[in-house]
Amino acid sequence: MSEPSTVRHITPGSTVPPLPSPEPAATAHVALGHAGRPLSAVDHVADFYGAYTDALRDRGRGQLADALRHHYLAPEFRRSLISWEAVHDRDGVLRARGVPSSWRVVYDNSGTGHCWTRVTLVWEDDENRPYRTTRLLVRSDPATRRICGIRSLGTSDAVDAT
């Protein structure tokens, strides 16, 4: 819907008063939104990483984080994570210690009965400056949308904006 235009008649040689300022809502920046589809395996991964990192940041590892793992991860994968975490002494979902400050999930590939997504986790220091990035390849079952594998693609101190 368009705003009505203002027509001003100006007498030659007269001073032109400024137009009234637009309403604050009209000049406010539009916030970025999030969208998703409940039947998308990629959106399921994004939903999980968003909820899981929120739970860890808000409450630490506890019942909520465990419930999210139970809902989003395939049972056999949950069991293998317990072994991986015991050997590596870090969170198997994040493949790291601590909680990232942001995450990004993008589609990678599909085939052989799986959907692959790339997850980028970014950690920030106390002054909100990114200092470490971890990249993961996450495998999901398209039929159940449950995560059934996570592989680290590497950790870097060089942080990029993507």
Protein backbone atom coordinates (compact mmCIF):
# COMPACT_ATOMS: atom_id res chain seq x y z
CA MET A 1 0.00 0.00 0.00
CA SER A 2 1.50 3.33 -0.98
CA GLU A 3 1.48 6.54 1.01
CA PRO A 4 -0.53 9.42 -0.46
CA SER A 5 1.74 12.00 -2.01
CA THR A 6 1.82 15.53 -0.68
CA VAL A 7 1.32 18.31 -3.20
CA ARG A 8 2.66 21.70 -2.23
CA HIS A 9 2.05 24.92 -4.11
CA ILE A 10 4.96 27.32 -3.71
CA THR A 11 4.90 30.99 -4.64
CA PRO A 12 8.07 32.07 -6.43
CA GLY A 13 10.52 33.72 -4.00
CA SER A 14 8.92 32.26 -0.87
CA THR A 15 10.71 30.06 1.67
CA VAL A 16 9.79 26.42 1.65
CA PRO A 17 9.09 24.95 5.08
CA PRO A 18 10.30 21.38 5.55
CA LEU A 19 7.90 18.50 5.16
CA PRO A 20 6.80 16.97 8.46
CA SER A 21 8.98 14.08 9.66
CA PRO A 22 7.62 10.63 8.96
CA GLU A 23 6.28 8.59 11.84
CA PRO A 24 8.97 6.67 13.78
CA ALA A 25 7.53 3.33 12.66
CA ALA A 26 8.00 4.34 9.03
CA THR A 27 11.70 5.03 9.54
CA ALA A 28 12.49 2.05 11.80
CA HIS A 29 14.69 -0.66 10.34
CA VAL A 30 12.96 -3.87 9.43
CA ALA A 31 14.14 -6.73 11.63
CA LEU A 32 15.40 -9.87 9.96
CA GLY A 33 12.95 -12.72 10.32
CA HIS A 34 13.32 -16.45 10.53
CA ALA A 35 11.20 -18.86 8.57
CA GLY A 36 11.03 -22.58 8.30
CA ARG A 37 9.05 -25.62 7.29
CA PRO A 38 8.33 -28.42 9.75
CA LEU A 39 8.85 -31.08 7.08
CA SER A 40 12.30 -29.81 6.06
CA ALA A 41 15.28 -31.75 7.39
CA VAL A 42 17.46 -28.63 7.01
CA ASP A 43 15.01 -26.51 9.02
CA HIS A 44 14.89 -29.27 11.62
CA VAL A 45 18.69 -29.01 12.02
CA ALA A 46 18.45 -25.21 12.26
CA ASP A 47 15.67 -25.46 14.83
CA PHE A 48 17.73 -27.89 16.87
CA TYR A 49 20.91 -25.81 16.89
CA GLY A 50 18.95 -22.66 17.75
CA ALA A 51 17.07 -24.29 20.62
CA TYR A 52 20.08 -26.28 21.86
CA THR A 53 22.45 -23.30 22.02
CA ASP A 54 19.72 -21.21 23.69
CA ALA A 55 19.16 -23.93 26.29
CA LEU A 56 22.88 -24.27 27.00
CA ARG A 57 23.35 -20.50 27.30
CA ASP A 58 20.26 -20.02 29.49
CA ARG A 59 20.40 -23.08 31.74
CA GLY A 60 23.52 -25.06 30.96
CA ARG A 61 23.54 -28.77 30.24
CA GLY A 62 20.51 -30.24 31.97
CA GLN A 63 17.03 -31.60 31.40
CA LEU A 64 16.10 -29.20 28.61
CA ALA A 65 19.28 -29.84 26.60
CA ASP A 66 18.82 -33.58 27.11
CA ALA A 67 15.15 -33.37 26.04
CA LEU A 68 16.17 -31.50 22.86
CA ARG A 69 18.74 -34.21 22.10
CA HIS A 70 16.09 -36.86 22.65
CA HIS A 71 13.65 -35.13 20.29
CA TYR A 72 16.02 -34.11 17.47
CA LEU A 73 18.68 -36.86 17.45
CA ALA A 74 18.22 -40.45 16.29
CA PRO A 75 18.46 -42.93 19.22
CA GLU A 76 21.52 -44.76 17.86
CA PHE A 77 23.28 -41.45 17.28
CA ARG A 78 22.53 -40.29 20.85
CA ARG A 79 24.23 -43.45 22.11
CA SER A 80 27.31 -42.87 19.94
CA LEU A 81 27.53 -39.26 21.17
CA ILE A 82 27.88 -40.47 24.75
CA SER A 83 30.97 -42.49 23.76
CA TRP A 84 32.39 -39.65 21.65
CA GLU A 85 31.95 -37.15 24.50
CA ALA A 86 33.64 -39.47 27.01
CA VAL A 87 36.71 -39.78 24.79
CA HIS A 88 36.93 -36.13 23.67
CA ASP A 89 35.70 -34.33 26.83
CA ARG A 90 33.52 -31.87 24.91
CA ASP A 91 29.95 -31.51 23.68
CA GLY A 92 29.45 -33.90 20.77
CA VAL A 93 26.72 -31.82 19.14
CA LEU A 94 28.93 -28.73 19.06
CA ARG A 95 32.22 -30.65 18.78
CA ALA A 96 33.58 -28.10 21.25
CA ARG A 97 33.55 -26.85 24.83
CA GLY A 98 31.47 -23.83 25.76
CA VAL A 99 28.51 -22.33 23.97
CA PRO A 100 28.72 -20.54 20.62
CA SER A 101 27.34 -17.03 20.34
CA SER A 102 25.81 -17.64 16.90
CA TRP A 103 25.10 -20.40 14.41
CA ARG A 104 24.21 -20.73 10.77
CA VAL A 105 22.75 -23.74 8.95
CA VAL A 106 22.72 -24.20 5.17
CA TYR A 107 21.74 -27.06 2.89
CA ASP A 108 24.70 -29.02 1.54
CA ASN A 109 23.54 -32.10 -0.35
CA SER A 110 21.14 -35.05 -0.46
CA GLY A 111 21.67 -38.61 -1.51
CA THR A 112 21.88 -42.22 -0.38
CA GLY A 113 18.85 -41.69 1.84
CA HIS A 114 20.33 -38.75 3.75
CA CYS A 115 20.23 -34.98 3.81
CA TRP A 116 23.45 -33.10 4.57
CA THR A 117 23.62 -29.64 6.08
CA ARG A 118 26.58 -27.44 6.98
CA VAL A 119 26.52 -25.82 10.39
CA THR A 120 28.82 -22.93 11.27
CA LEU A 121 29.22 -22.06 14.95
CA VAL A 122 30.89 -18.82 16.03
CA TRP A 123 32.32 -18.07 19.47
CA GLU A 124 32.83 -14.50 20.70
CA ASP A 125 35.04 -13.05 23.41
CA ASP A 126 33.84 -10.83 26.30
CA GLU A 127 33.78 -7.82 23.97
CA ASN A 128 31.55 -9.60 21.43
CA ARG A 129 34.35 -10.06 18.91
CA PRO A 130 34.34 -13.38 17.03
CA TYR A 131 37.46 -15.39 17.78
CA ARG A 132 36.71 -18.96 16.72
CA THR A 133 34.57 -20.73 14.13
CA THR A 134 33.66 -24.41 14.04
CA ARG A 135 32.19 -25.95 10.90
CA LEU A 136 30.19 -29.16 11.00
CA LEU A 137 28.62 -31.47 8.45
CA VAL A 138 25.33 -32.80 9.83
CA ARG A 139 23.59 -35.86 8.37
CA SER A 140 19.82 -36.26 8.75
CA ASP A 141 17.28 -38.88 7.82
CA PRO A 142 14.80 -37.15 5.46
CA ALA A 143 11.96 -39.47 6.53
CA THR A 144 12.22 -38.70 10.27
CA ARG A 145 14.24 -35.44 9.97
CA ARG A 146 16.28 -36.67 12.94
CA ILE A 147 20.00 -35.99 13.03
CA CYS A 148 21.94 -39.22 12.64
CA GLY A 149 25.53 -37.99 12.29
CA ILE A 150 27.82 -35.02 12.89
CA ARG A 151 31.30 -34.63 11.49
CA SER A 152 33.67 -31.78 12.19
CA LEU A 153 34.93 -29.92 9.14
CA GLY A 154 37.39 -28.01 11.26
CA THR A 155 37.88 -25.22 13.73
CA SER A 156 39.48 -21.96 12.82
CA ASP A 157 40.65 -18.85 14.62
CA ALA A 158 40.08 -16.92 11.39
CA VAL A 159 36.43 -15.93 11.50
CA ASP A 160 34.57 -14.90 8.37
CA ALA A 161 31.13 -13.38 8.07
CA THR A 162 29.51 -16.25 6.19
